[in-house]
Amino acid sequence: IMPNHIHGILIIDNYVGNSDIGNVGNRHACSLQRRQYQYLPIIIGSYKSAVSKMLHKFSMNFGWQKSYHDHIIRDENSLYNIRHYIVNNPLNWNDDENNIN
């Protein structure tokens, strides 16, 4: 968790037996679009809604950006690199262009 954004890795198992049951991409530019039902926008939307409701209960002024950045992790090397980036991202906060402190 960063002061102005969050990072996360979602693992969505699209397969039951040998049948593909859904897509993971966002609604406006899904790289895996084969069907209308896509899990990622539902999960992200639900997460944003739950966080917003909780913060509004504490009278916190908070708003989400309109969309989100997603990336499909296709292999173990990519997963390792992304995990490394997420773990080390807070160390770079002092150099971030959005850090106003």
Protein backbone atom coordinates (compact mmCIF):
# COMPACT_ATOMS: atom_id res chain seq x y z
CA ILE A 1 0.00 0.00 0.00
CA MET A 2 1.38 3.34 -1.09
CA PRO A 3 0.12 6.78 -0.04
CA ASN A 4 -1.60 7.34 -3.40
CA HIS A 5 -2.07 3.85 -4.88
CA ILE A 6 -2.00 0.14 -4.14
CA HIS A 7 -0.49 -2.89 -5.82
CA GLY A 8 -1.86 -6.39 -5.71
CA ILE A 9 -1.70 -9.74 -7.41
CA LEU A 10 -4.96 -11.60 -8.01
CA ILE A 11 -4.91 -15.24 -8.95
CA ILE A 12 -8.05 -16.14 -10.88
CA ASP A 13 -8.39 -19.78 -11.84
CA ASN A 14 -10.33 -19.70 -15.13
CA TYR A 15 -10.50 -23.42 -15.60
CA VAL A 16 -12.83 -26.05 -14.20
CA GLY A 17 -11.78 -29.38 -15.57
CA ASN A 18 -10.85 -28.64 -19.16
CA SER A 19 -13.39 -25.88 -19.87
CA ASP A 20 -12.63 -22.16 -19.91
CA ILE A 21 -15.30 -20.48 -17.74
CA GLY A 22 -14.43 -16.80 -17.99
CA ASN A 23 -12.09 -13.93 -18.76
CA VAL A 24 -9.96 -11.80 -16.49
CA GLY A 25 -9.52 -8.56 -18.47
CA ASN A 26 -11.23 -5.23 -18.00
CA ARG A 27 -14.45 -4.42 -19.85
CA HIS A 28 -13.13 -1.75 -22.19
CA ALA A 29 -9.96 -3.46 -23.48
CA CYS A 30 -9.93 -7.12 -22.55
CA SER A 31 -6.98 -8.93 -24.06
CA LEU A 32 -8.64 -12.28 -23.38
CA GLN A 33 -12.12 -11.42 -24.61
CA ARG A 34 -13.99 -14.57 -25.56
CA ARG A 35 -17.11 -14.05 -23.46
CA GLN A 36 -18.98 -11.16 -21.89
CA TYR A 37 -18.46 -12.21 -18.26
CA GLN A 38 -15.13 -11.01 -16.91
CA TYR A 39 -13.95 -11.47 -13.35
CA LEU A 40 -11.40 -8.67 -12.90
CA PRO A 41 -13.73 -5.66 -13.27
CA ILE A 42 -16.22 -7.30 -10.89
CA ILE A 43 -13.53 -7.96 -8.28
CA ILE A 44 -12.00 -4.46 -8.60
CA GLY A 45 -15.42 -2.79 -8.52
CA SER A 46 -16.45 -4.73 -5.44
CA TYR A 47 -13.17 -3.92 -3.70
CA LYS A 48 -13.46 -0.19 -4.47
CA SER A 49 -17.07 -0.18 -3.27
CA ALA A 50 -16.27 -1.96 0.01
CA VAL A 51 -13.30 0.32 0.78
CA SER A 52 -15.32 3.45 -0.07
CA LYS A 53 -18.20 2.41 2.21
CA MET A 54 -15.82 1.73 5.10
CA LEU A 55 -13.98 5.04 4.70
CA HIS A 56 -17.21 7.05 4.41
CA LYS A 57 -18.37 5.53 7.74
CA PHE A 58 -15.36 7.26 9.31
CA SER A 59 -16.14 10.51 7.44
CA MET A 60 -12.95 10.24 5.40
CA ASN A 61 -12.90 12.23 2.17
CA PHE A 62 -11.79 9.67 -0.37
CA GLY A 63 -12.23 8.96 -4.06
CA TRP A 64 -10.96 6.40 -6.52
CA GLN A 65 -9.51 7.11 -9.94
CA LYS A 66 -11.82 6.06 -12.76
CA SER A 67 -10.01 2.92 -13.91
CA TYR A 68 -7.04 0.74 -13.01
CA HIS A 69 -3.94 -0.72 -14.62
CA ASP A 70 -3.89 -4.46 -15.14
CA HIS A 71 -1.28 -6.84 -16.45
CA ILE A 72 -1.59 -10.55 -17.11
CA ILE A 73 1.26 -12.49 -15.52
CA ARG A 74 2.14 -15.27 -17.90
CA ASP A 75 5.13 -17.01 -16.30
CA GLU A 76 7.09 -17.49 -13.08
CA ASN A 77 9.80 -15.01 -14.10
CA SER A 78 7.23 -12.26 -14.64
CA LEU A 79 5.57 -13.12 -11.32
CA TYR A 80 8.94 -12.91 -9.53
CA ASN A 81 9.70 -9.49 -11.10
CA ILE A 82 6.29 -8.07 -10.22
CA ARG A 83 6.50 -9.33 -6.64
CA HIS A 84 9.97 -7.78 -6.35
CA TYR A 85 8.64 -4.45 -7.68
CA ILE A 86 5.71 -4.45 -5.23
CA VAL A 87 7.88 -5.25 -2.21
CA ASN A 88 10.46 -2.59 -3.10
CA ASN A 89 8.06 0.12 -4.33
CA PRO A 90 7.77 1.86 -0.91
CA LEU A 91 11.54 2.37 -0.88
CA ASN A 92 11.15 4.62 -3.94
CA TRP A 93 8.37 6.83 -2.50
CA ASN A 94 10.71 9.74 -1.72
CA ASP A 95 11.53 9.96 -5.44
CA ASP A 96 7.92 9.64 -6.62
CA GLU A 97 6.60 12.63 -8.62
CA ASN A 98 3.34 12.50 -6.62
CA ASN A 99 5.07 12.72 -3.23
CA ILE A 100 4.31 16.22 -1.94
CA ASN A 101 6.06 15.83 1.42
